[in-house]
Amino acid sequence: MKHPHCKTDAKHIRHFLNLCEGNWHSCIYVWCRTCNAQESSENSGFLFHPDETGSPCILPLSDAALLFPRIPEPTECTGSMSIAAFTELYLPYLAAQKLPLKPCPIPALLRLQENQQYDW
């Protein structure tokens, strides 16, 4: 029997929850129906909340489904958009961080944000 667990680093999860004050309703829901990296199409995509500099702080929906008592719904969030719209909106930021745009910048963005939580 598998025991579900969050795959995102705990310090990053804490940072994300602090930004949104523990309320996923104040986040933007980003859906991605084509990502092969996601385990199930039901939880493909992520939530994001801008930090104090306007940079996006992301949390995969697969982790959000484990952290919150209800699975986040796009219509119950502050807004929703496609991964294409998110990438276009944050293209200058993604380029400045030197993140690969192909096949998808999101796994690299999440790793970058997790690493920023540590002083090494």
C-alpha atoms as a PDB file:
ATOM      1  CA  MET A   1       0.000   0.000   0.000  1.00  0.00           C
ATOM      2  CA  LYS A   2       1.350   3.400  -0.984  1.00  0.00           C
ATOM      3  CA  HIS A   3       1.340   6.240   1.506  1.00  0.00           C
ATOM      4  CA  PRO A   4       0.907   9.578  -0.220  1.00  0.00           C
ATOM      5  CA  HIS A   5       3.389  12.258   0.712  1.00  0.00           C
ATOM      6  CA  CYS A   6       4.351  15.697  -0.514  1.00  0.00           C
ATOM      7  CA  LYS A   7       7.192  15.730  -2.981  1.00  0.00           C
ATOM      8  CA  THR A   8       7.938  19.414  -2.500  1.00  0.00           C
ATOM      9  CA  ASP A   9      10.502  20.406   0.124  1.00  0.00           C
ATOM     10  CA  ALA A  10       8.971  21.261   3.519  1.00  0.00           C
ATOM     11  CA  LYS A  11      10.682  24.671   3.781  1.00  0.00           C
ATOM     12  CA  HIS A  12       9.272  25.658   0.405  1.00  0.00           C
ATOM     13  CA  ILE A  13       5.800  24.484   1.429  1.00  0.00           C
ATOM     14  CA  ARG A  14       6.078  26.651   4.569  1.00  0.00           C
ATOM     15  CA  HIS A  15       7.131  29.637   2.432  1.00  0.00           C
ATOM     16  CA  PHE A  16       4.214  29.099   0.042  1.00  0.00           C
ATOM     17  CA  LEU A  17       1.720  28.766   2.902  1.00  0.00           C
ATOM     18  CA  ASN A  18       3.075  31.934   4.530  1.00  0.00           C
ATOM     19  CA  LEU A  19       2.624  33.868   1.278  1.00  0.00           C
ATOM     20  CA  CYS A  20      -0.975  32.778   0.800  1.00  0.00           C
ATOM     21  CA  GLU A  21      -1.653  32.819   4.559  1.00  0.00           C
ATOM     22  CA  GLY A  22      -2.635  29.153   4.362  1.00  0.00           C
ATOM     23  CA  ASN A  23      -5.550  29.933   2.062  1.00  0.00           C
ATOM     24  CA  TRP A  24      -5.449  28.447  -1.433  1.00  0.00           C
ATOM     25  CA  HIS A  25      -8.447  30.595  -2.388  1.00  0.00           C
ATOM     26  CA  SER A  26      -6.057  33.578  -2.618  1.00  0.00           C
ATOM     27  CA  CYS A  27      -3.841  31.769  -5.158  1.00  0.00           C
ATOM     28  CA  ILE A  28      -3.899  31.541  -8.938  1.00  0.00           C
ATOM     29  CA  TYR A  29      -4.716  28.093 -10.321  1.00  0.00           C
ATOM     30  CA  VAL A  30      -2.592  27.070 -13.319  1.00  0.00           C
ATOM     31  CA  TRP A  31      -3.670  24.032 -15.298  1.00  0.00           C
ATOM     32  CA  CYS A  32      -1.567  21.898 -17.580  1.00  0.00           C
ATOM     33  CA  ARG A  33      -3.245  19.038 -19.395  1.00  0.00           C
ATOM     34  CA  THR A  34      -0.235  18.015 -21.472  1.00  0.00           C
ATOM     35  CA  CYS A  35       2.539  17.573 -18.896  1.00  0.00           C
ATOM     36  CA  ASN A  36       3.933  14.046 -18.860  1.00  0.00           C
ATOM     37  CA  ALA A  37       5.727  14.733 -15.572  1.00  0.00           C
ATOM     38  CA  GLN A  38       2.471  14.707 -13.628  1.00  0.00           C
ATOM     39  CA  GLU A  39       1.299  11.438 -12.144  1.00  0.00           C
ATOM     40  CA  SER A  40      -2.375  11.982 -12.793  1.00  0.00           C
ATOM     41  CA  SER A  41      -4.229  14.323 -15.064  1.00  0.00           C
ATOM     42  CA  GLU A  42      -6.517  15.102 -12.123  1.00  0.00           C
ATOM     43  CA  ASN A  43      -3.707  16.862 -10.266  1.00  0.00           C
ATOM     44  CA  SER A  44      -1.740  18.283 -13.171  1.00  0.00           C
ATOM     45  CA  GLY A  45      -0.859  21.900 -12.746  1.00  0.00           C
ATOM     46  CA  PHE A  46      -0.024  24.083  -9.783  1.00  0.00           C
ATOM     47  CA  LEU A  47      -1.075  26.957  -7.589  1.00  0.00           C
ATOM     48  CA  PHE A  48       0.961  30.118  -7.441  1.00  0.00           C
ATOM     49  CA  HIS A  49       1.043  33.226  -5.326  1.00  0.00           C
ATOM     50  CA  PRO A  50       3.356  36.163  -6.033  1.00  0.00           C
ATOM     51  CA  ASP A  51       5.886  36.942  -3.321  1.00  0.00           C
ATOM     52  CA  GLU A  52       6.773  40.449  -2.120  1.00  0.00           C
ATOM     53  CA  THR A  53       8.872  41.028  -5.272  1.00  0.00           C
ATOM     54  CA  GLY A  54       6.155  39.794  -7.662  1.00  0.00           C
ATOM     55  CA  SER A  55       7.981  36.519  -8.367  1.00  0.00           C
ATOM     56  CA  PRO A  56       5.712  33.491  -8.574  1.00  0.00           C
ATOM     57  CA  CYS A  57       5.878  31.002  -5.708  1.00  0.00           C
ATOM     58  CA  ILE A  58       4.454  27.690  -6.918  1.00  0.00           C
ATOM     59  CA  LEU A  59       3.013  24.562  -5.338  1.00  0.00           C
ATOM     60  CA  PRO A  60       2.102  21.486  -7.419  1.00  0.00           C
ATOM     61  CA  LEU A  61      -1.577  20.523  -7.254  1.00  0.00           C
ATOM     62  CA  SER A  62      -0.569  16.994  -6.260  1.00  0.00           C
ATOM     63  CA  ASP A  63       0.894  18.444  -3.034  1.00  0.00           C
ATOM     64  CA  ALA A  64      -1.963  20.913  -2.553  1.00  0.00           C
ATOM     65  CA  ALA A  65      -4.381  17.967  -2.649  1.00  0.00           C
ATOM     66  CA  LEU A  66      -2.527  16.461   0.330  1.00  0.00           C
ATOM     67  CA  LEU A  67      -2.089  19.685   2.309  1.00  0.00           C
ATOM     68  CA  PHE A  68      -5.564  21.156   2.164  1.00  0.00           C
ATOM     69  CA  PRO A  69      -8.792  19.529   3.376  1.00  0.00           C
ATOM     70  CA  ARG A  70     -10.371  20.171  -0.039  1.00  0.00           C
ATOM     71  CA  ILE A  71      -8.796  19.854  -3.457  1.00  0.00           C
ATOM     72  CA  PRO A  72      -8.348  23.344  -4.930  1.00  0.00           C
ATOM     73  CA  GLU A  73     -10.756  24.203  -7.719  1.00  0.00           C
ATOM     74  CA  PRO A  74     -10.002  26.804 -10.407  1.00  0.00           C
ATOM     75  CA  THR A  75     -13.317  28.605  -9.873  1.00  0.00           C
ATOM     76  CA  GLU A  76     -12.654  28.966  -6.132  1.00  0.00           C
ATOM     77  CA  CYS A  77      -9.222  30.567  -6.558  1.00  0.00           C
ATOM     78  CA  THR A  78      -8.489  34.259  -7.120  1.00  0.00           C
ATOM     79  CA  GLY A  79      -7.953  33.410 -10.774  1.00  0.00           C
ATOM     80  CA  SER A  80      -6.961  30.663 -13.161  1.00  0.00           C
ATOM     81  CA  MET A  81      -4.874  30.393 -16.302  1.00  0.00           C
ATOM     82  CA  SER A  82      -3.222  27.901 -18.582  1.00  0.00           C
ATOM     83  CA  ILE A  83       0.446  26.987 -18.374  1.00  0.00           C
ATOM     84  CA  ALA A  84       0.916  28.818 -21.697  1.00  0.00           C
ATOM     85  CA  ALA A  85      -0.517  32.027 -20.228  1.00  0.00           C
ATOM     86  CA  PHE A  86       1.625  31.658 -17.088  1.00  0.00           C
ATOM     87  CA  THR A  87       4.781  31.100 -19.155  1.00  0.00           C
ATOM     88  CA  GLU A  88       4.024  34.120 -21.334  1.00  0.00           C
ATOM     89  CA  LEU A  89       3.284  36.307 -18.296  1.00  0.00           C
ATOM     90  CA  TYR A  90       6.491  35.300 -16.500  1.00  0.00           C
ATOM     91  CA  LEU A  91       8.741  34.878 -19.552  1.00  0.00           C
ATOM     92  CA  PRO A  92      11.132  37.706 -18.524  1.00  0.00           C
ATOM     93  CA  TYR A  93      11.411  36.227 -15.017  1.00  0.00           C
ATOM     94  CA  LEU A  94      11.974  32.681 -16.297  1.00  0.00           C
ATOM     95  CA  ALA A  95      14.610  33.938 -18.749  1.00  0.00           C
ATOM     96  CA  ALA A  96      16.380  35.959 -16.026  1.00  0.00           C
ATOM     97  CA  GLN A  97      16.532  32.811 -13.888  1.00  0.00           C
ATOM     98  CA  LYS A  98      17.961  30.938 -16.923  1.00  0.00           C
ATOM     99  CA  LEU A  99      15.261  28.267 -16.679  1.00  0.00           C
ATOM    100  CA  PRO A 100      14.684  26.010 -19.691  1.00  0.00           C
ATOM    101  CA  LEU A 101      11.410  26.773 -21.437  1.00  0.00           C
ATOM    102  CA  LYS A 102      11.263  23.409 -23.220  1.00  0.00           C
ATOM    103  CA  PRO A 103       9.741  21.005 -22.522  1.00  0.00           C
ATOM    104  CA  CYS A 104       8.444  22.827 -19.402  1.00  0.00           C
ATOM    105  CA  PRO A 105       9.998  25.394 -17.037  1.00  0.00           C
ATOM    106  CA  ILE A 106       7.910  24.417 -13.998  1.00  0.00           C
ATOM    107  CA  PRO A 107       9.991  21.516 -12.575  1.00  0.00           C
ATOM    108  CA  ALA A 108      13.135  23.683 -12.827  1.00  0.00           C
ATOM    109  CA  LEU A 109      11.298  26.644 -11.259  1.00  0.00           C
ATOM    110  CA  LEU A 110      10.174  24.498  -8.336  1.00  0.00           C
ATOM    111  CA  ARG A 111      13.735  23.158  -7.776  1.00  0.00           C
ATOM    112  CA  LEU A 112      15.085  26.724  -7.904  1.00  0.00           C
ATOM    113  CA  GLN A 113      12.546  27.901  -5.340  1.00  0.00           C
ATOM    114  CA  GLU A 114      13.231  24.938  -3.060  1.00  0.00           C
ATOM    115  CA  ASN A 115      16.986  25.614  -3.213  1.00  0.00           C
ATOM    116  CA  GLN A 116      16.443  29.292  -2.383  1.00  0.00           C
ATOM    117  CA  GLN A 117      15.124  28.223   1.016  1.00  0.00           C
ATOM    118  CA  TYR A 118      18.608  27.063   2.042  1.00  0.00           C
ATOM    119  CA  ASP A 119      21.851  28.963   2.632  1.00  0.00           C
ATOM    120  CA  TRP A 120      24.231  26.735   0.713  1.00  0.00           C
END
